[in-house]
Amino acid sequence: MGQVYEWAVRGDCGAVVLFSGTVRDHADGRDGVSSLTYEAYEEQCERRFEQIADEIRQRWTDVGRIALLHRLGEMQVTESTVLVVVSSPHRPQAFEAARFGIDALKASAPIWKHEVWESGSDWGTRAVPPQSVSSLPSSTHNAPSAGEARNRGT
C-alpha cells in the first residue's frame, strides 16, 4: 500500500485518497468467515480497470494519478484485497473519483469470491453481471460531482 500511495503523490496534487477493501469476518447470513478466495477473468479485468481510469479522467479532468489493484487467490480476515488510489489538486475530487473507482470496479470487473465460514463454503452472494463502466453514476448517493455542480453553475 505504501508504494502505491507514494507513487500517487505529486507536487501539483494536494490530496491523495486511498481506499482499501479488506476481508471481514462475516457476509450475508454467513458468520465466522475465515477466508475468501478471489478468481477473475484477468484479461477482461485489465480492460475494465483501464476503462475505469479513462472514465475517471473524463469525469474529473484534474486528477493526477490513478491506481486500481485487486489481489487474487486466498485471503484471510483483515487482509487487504483491493486498492483504489487517486490523487488530485483538491480533496473533493479525489474522494469522488476514488468512490467512483471502487464502485465501478465492483460493478464492472469480472471478479468472483469464494467464501469459507464456520459451517460451510460457497461463492459470494449478491453477484450480478458486469455493467458498462460509462453507464455507472458518478455517485451512489445521487449528489452531483464537483464537475457536474460546476457545469450547472452551483
Protein backbone atom coordinates (compact mmCIF):
# COMPACT_ATOMS: atom_id res chain seq x y z
CA MET A 1 0.00 0.00 0.00
CA GLY A 2 2.77 2.37 0.90
CA GLN A 3 4.41 2.09 -2.51
CA VAL A 4 1.16 2.82 -4.34
CA TYR A 5 0.48 5.80 -2.08
CA GLU A 6 3.99 7.20 -2.62
CA TRP A 7 3.61 6.74 -6.39
CA ALA A 8 0.34 8.72 -6.34
CA VAL A 9 1.83 11.73 -4.51
CA ARG A 10 2.58 14.60 -6.90
CA GLY A 11 3.68 18.18 -6.36
CA ASP A 12 0.61 19.55 -8.16
CA CYS A 13 -1.83 17.43 -6.14
CA GLY A 14 -2.83 18.37 -2.61
CA ALA A 15 -4.89 15.24 -1.98
CA VAL A 16 -4.37 11.50 -2.21
CA VAL A 17 -7.28 9.21 -1.34
CA LEU A 18 -6.51 5.55 -0.76
CA PHE A 19 -9.38 3.10 -0.40
CA SER A 20 -8.53 -0.39 0.83
CA GLY A 21 -11.15 -3.13 0.91
CA THR A 22 -10.42 -5.89 3.44
CA VAL A 23 -11.74 -9.36 4.22
CA ARG A 24 -14.26 -9.17 7.05
CA ASP A 25 -15.36 -11.96 9.39
CA HIS A 26 -18.95 -12.16 8.12
CA ALA A 27 -21.04 -11.97 4.96
CA ASP A 28 -24.77 -12.07 4.21
CA GLY A 29 -26.06 -14.82 6.52
CA ARG A 30 -22.55 -16.21 6.96
CA ASP A 31 -20.98 -15.69 10.38
CA GLY A 32 -17.43 -16.73 11.12
CA VAL A 33 -15.97 -16.11 7.66
CA SER A 34 -12.32 -17.15 7.83
CA SER A 35 -11.15 -16.59 4.26
CA LEU A 36 -12.06 -15.57 0.73
CA THR A 37 -10.59 -16.84 -2.49
CA TYR A 38 -10.78 -14.46 -5.44
CA GLU A 39 -10.82 -15.59 -9.06
CA ALA A 40 -11.01 -13.36 -12.11
CA TYR A 41 -11.17 -13.24 -15.86
CA GLU A 42 -7.85 -11.40 -15.78
CA GLU A 43 -7.71 -10.21 -19.38
CA GLN A 44 -11.15 -8.60 -19.06
CA CYS A 45 -10.28 -7.14 -15.64
CA GLU A 46 -7.29 -5.32 -17.11
CA ARG A 47 -9.54 -3.83 -19.80
CA ARG A 48 -12.17 -2.83 -17.23
CA PHE A 49 -9.58 -1.21 -14.98
CA GLU A 50 -8.32 0.80 -17.97
CA GLN A 51 -11.91 1.83 -18.79
CA ILE A 52 -12.48 2.88 -15.18
CA ALA A 53 -9.32 5.00 -15.16
CA ASP A 54 -10.33 6.56 -18.51
CA GLU A 55 -13.81 7.32 -17.17
CA ILE A 56 -12.37 8.90 -14.02
CA ARG A 57 -10.18 11.15 -16.18
CA GLN A 58 -13.20 12.17 -18.27
CA ARG A 59 -15.39 12.96 -15.24
CA TRP A 60 -12.69 14.53 -13.04
CA THR A 61 -10.30 16.13 -15.51
CA ASP A 62 -7.81 17.42 -12.94
CA VAL A 63 -6.96 14.10 -11.25
CA GLY A 64 -3.28 13.28 -11.07
CA ARG A 65 -2.61 9.58 -10.67
CA ILE A 66 -4.99 6.63 -10.51
CA ALA A 67 -4.25 3.11 -9.29
CA LEU A 68 -6.73 0.21 -9.31
CA LEU A 69 -5.44 -3.06 -7.87
CA HIS A 70 -7.21 -6.29 -6.89
CA ARG A 71 -5.50 -9.31 -5.42
CA LEU A 72 -6.35 -12.87 -6.49
CA GLY A 73 -6.09 -16.11 -4.57
CA GLU A 74 -6.83 -16.88 -0.93
CA MET A 75 -7.08 -14.01 1.58
CA GLN A 76 -7.53 -14.19 5.34
CA VAL A 77 -9.70 -11.94 7.54
CA THR A 78 -8.28 -8.37 7.74
CA GLU A 79 -6.12 -8.75 4.60
CA SER A 80 -6.44 -6.01 2.01
CA THR A 81 -7.89 -7.35 -1.23
CA VAL A 82 -8.50 -4.23 -3.31
CA LEU A 83 -6.93 -0.77 -3.54
CA VAL A 84 -8.16 2.34 -5.30
CA VAL A 85 -5.84 5.33 -5.12
CA VAL A 86 -6.50 8.74 -6.67
CA SER A 87 -4.52 11.97 -6.41
CA SER A 88 -5.97 15.36 -7.28
CA PRO A 89 -5.24 19.02 -6.60
CA HIS A 90 -8.23 19.15 -4.21
CA ARG A 91 -9.78 16.62 -1.81
CA PRO A 92 -13.43 16.67 -3.03
CA GLN A 93 -12.42 15.47 -6.50
CA ALA A 94 -10.02 12.88 -5.07
CA PHE A 95 -12.73 11.46 -2.78
CA GLU A 96 -15.37 11.47 -5.53
CA ALA A 97 -13.08 9.87 -8.10
CA ALA A 98 -11.90 7.19 -5.66
CA ARG A 99 -15.51 6.42 -4.67
CA PHE A 100 -16.45 6.07 -8.32
CA GLY A 101 -13.36 3.91 -8.86
CA ILE A 102 -14.27 1.32 -6.23
CA ASP A 103 -17.97 1.36 -7.13
CA ALA A 104 -17.17 0.93 -10.84
CA LEU A 105 -14.65 -1.84 -10.10
CA LYS A 106 -17.21 -3.74 -8.02
CA ALA A 107 -19.94 -3.27 -10.66
CA SER A 108 -17.94 -3.96 -13.82
CA ALA A 109 -14.92 -6.19 -13.19
CA PRO A 110 -15.40 -9.96 -13.67
CA ILE A 111 -14.06 -10.97 -10.24
CA TRP A 112 -15.64 -13.69 -8.12
CA LYS A 113 -15.13 -14.62 -4.49
CA HIS A 114 -15.48 -17.96 -2.78
CA GLU A 115 -16.23 -17.61 0.94
CA VAL A 116 -15.27 -20.04 3.71
CA TRP A 117 -17.15 -19.71 7.02
CA GLU A 118 -17.82 -21.70 10.20
CA SER A 119 -20.46 -24.00 8.73
CA GLY A 120 -19.54 -24.21 5.07
CA SER A 121 -18.22 -22.60 1.93
CA ASP A 122 -19.74 -21.25 -1.27
CA TRP A 123 -19.48 -18.48 -3.82
CA GLY A 124 -20.26 -14.97 -2.59
CA THR A 125 -23.80 -13.66 -2.56
CA ARG A 126 -25.14 -10.64 -4.49
CA ALA A 127 -23.27 -11.47 -7.69
CA VAL A 128 -24.55 -9.53 -10.70
CA PRO A 129 -23.50 -9.46 -14.36
CA PRO A 130 -20.73 -6.90 -15.03
CA GLN A 131 -22.01 -3.47 -16.11
CA SER A 132 -20.61 -0.99 -18.61
CA VAL A 133 -18.29 1.49 -16.88
CA SER A 134 -19.60 4.52 -18.79
CA SER A 135 -23.19 3.78 -17.68
CA LEU A 136 -22.37 3.95 -13.96
CA PRO A 137 -23.37 7.03 -11.96
CA SER A 138 -20.66 9.30 -10.54
CA SER A 139 -22.10 8.89 -7.06
CA THR A 140 -24.18 6.23 -5.40
CA HIS A 141 -25.67 8.97 -3.22
CA ASN A 142 -27.15 10.93 -6.17
CA ALA A 143 -25.22 14.06 -5.22
CA PRO A 144 -23.64 15.88 -8.17
CA SER A 145 -19.88 15.63 -8.51
CA ALA A 146 -17.90 18.86 -8.31
CA GLY A 147 -17.63 18.88 -12.11
CA GLU A 148 -21.39 18.37 -12.53
CA ALA A 149 -22.12 21.11 -9.98
CA ARG A 150 -19.68 23.45 -11.75
CA ASN A 151 -21.39 22.75 -15.09
CA ARG A 152 -24.77 23.60 -13.55
CA GLY A 153 -23.41 26.80 -12.03
CA THR A 154 -23.95 25.69 -8.41
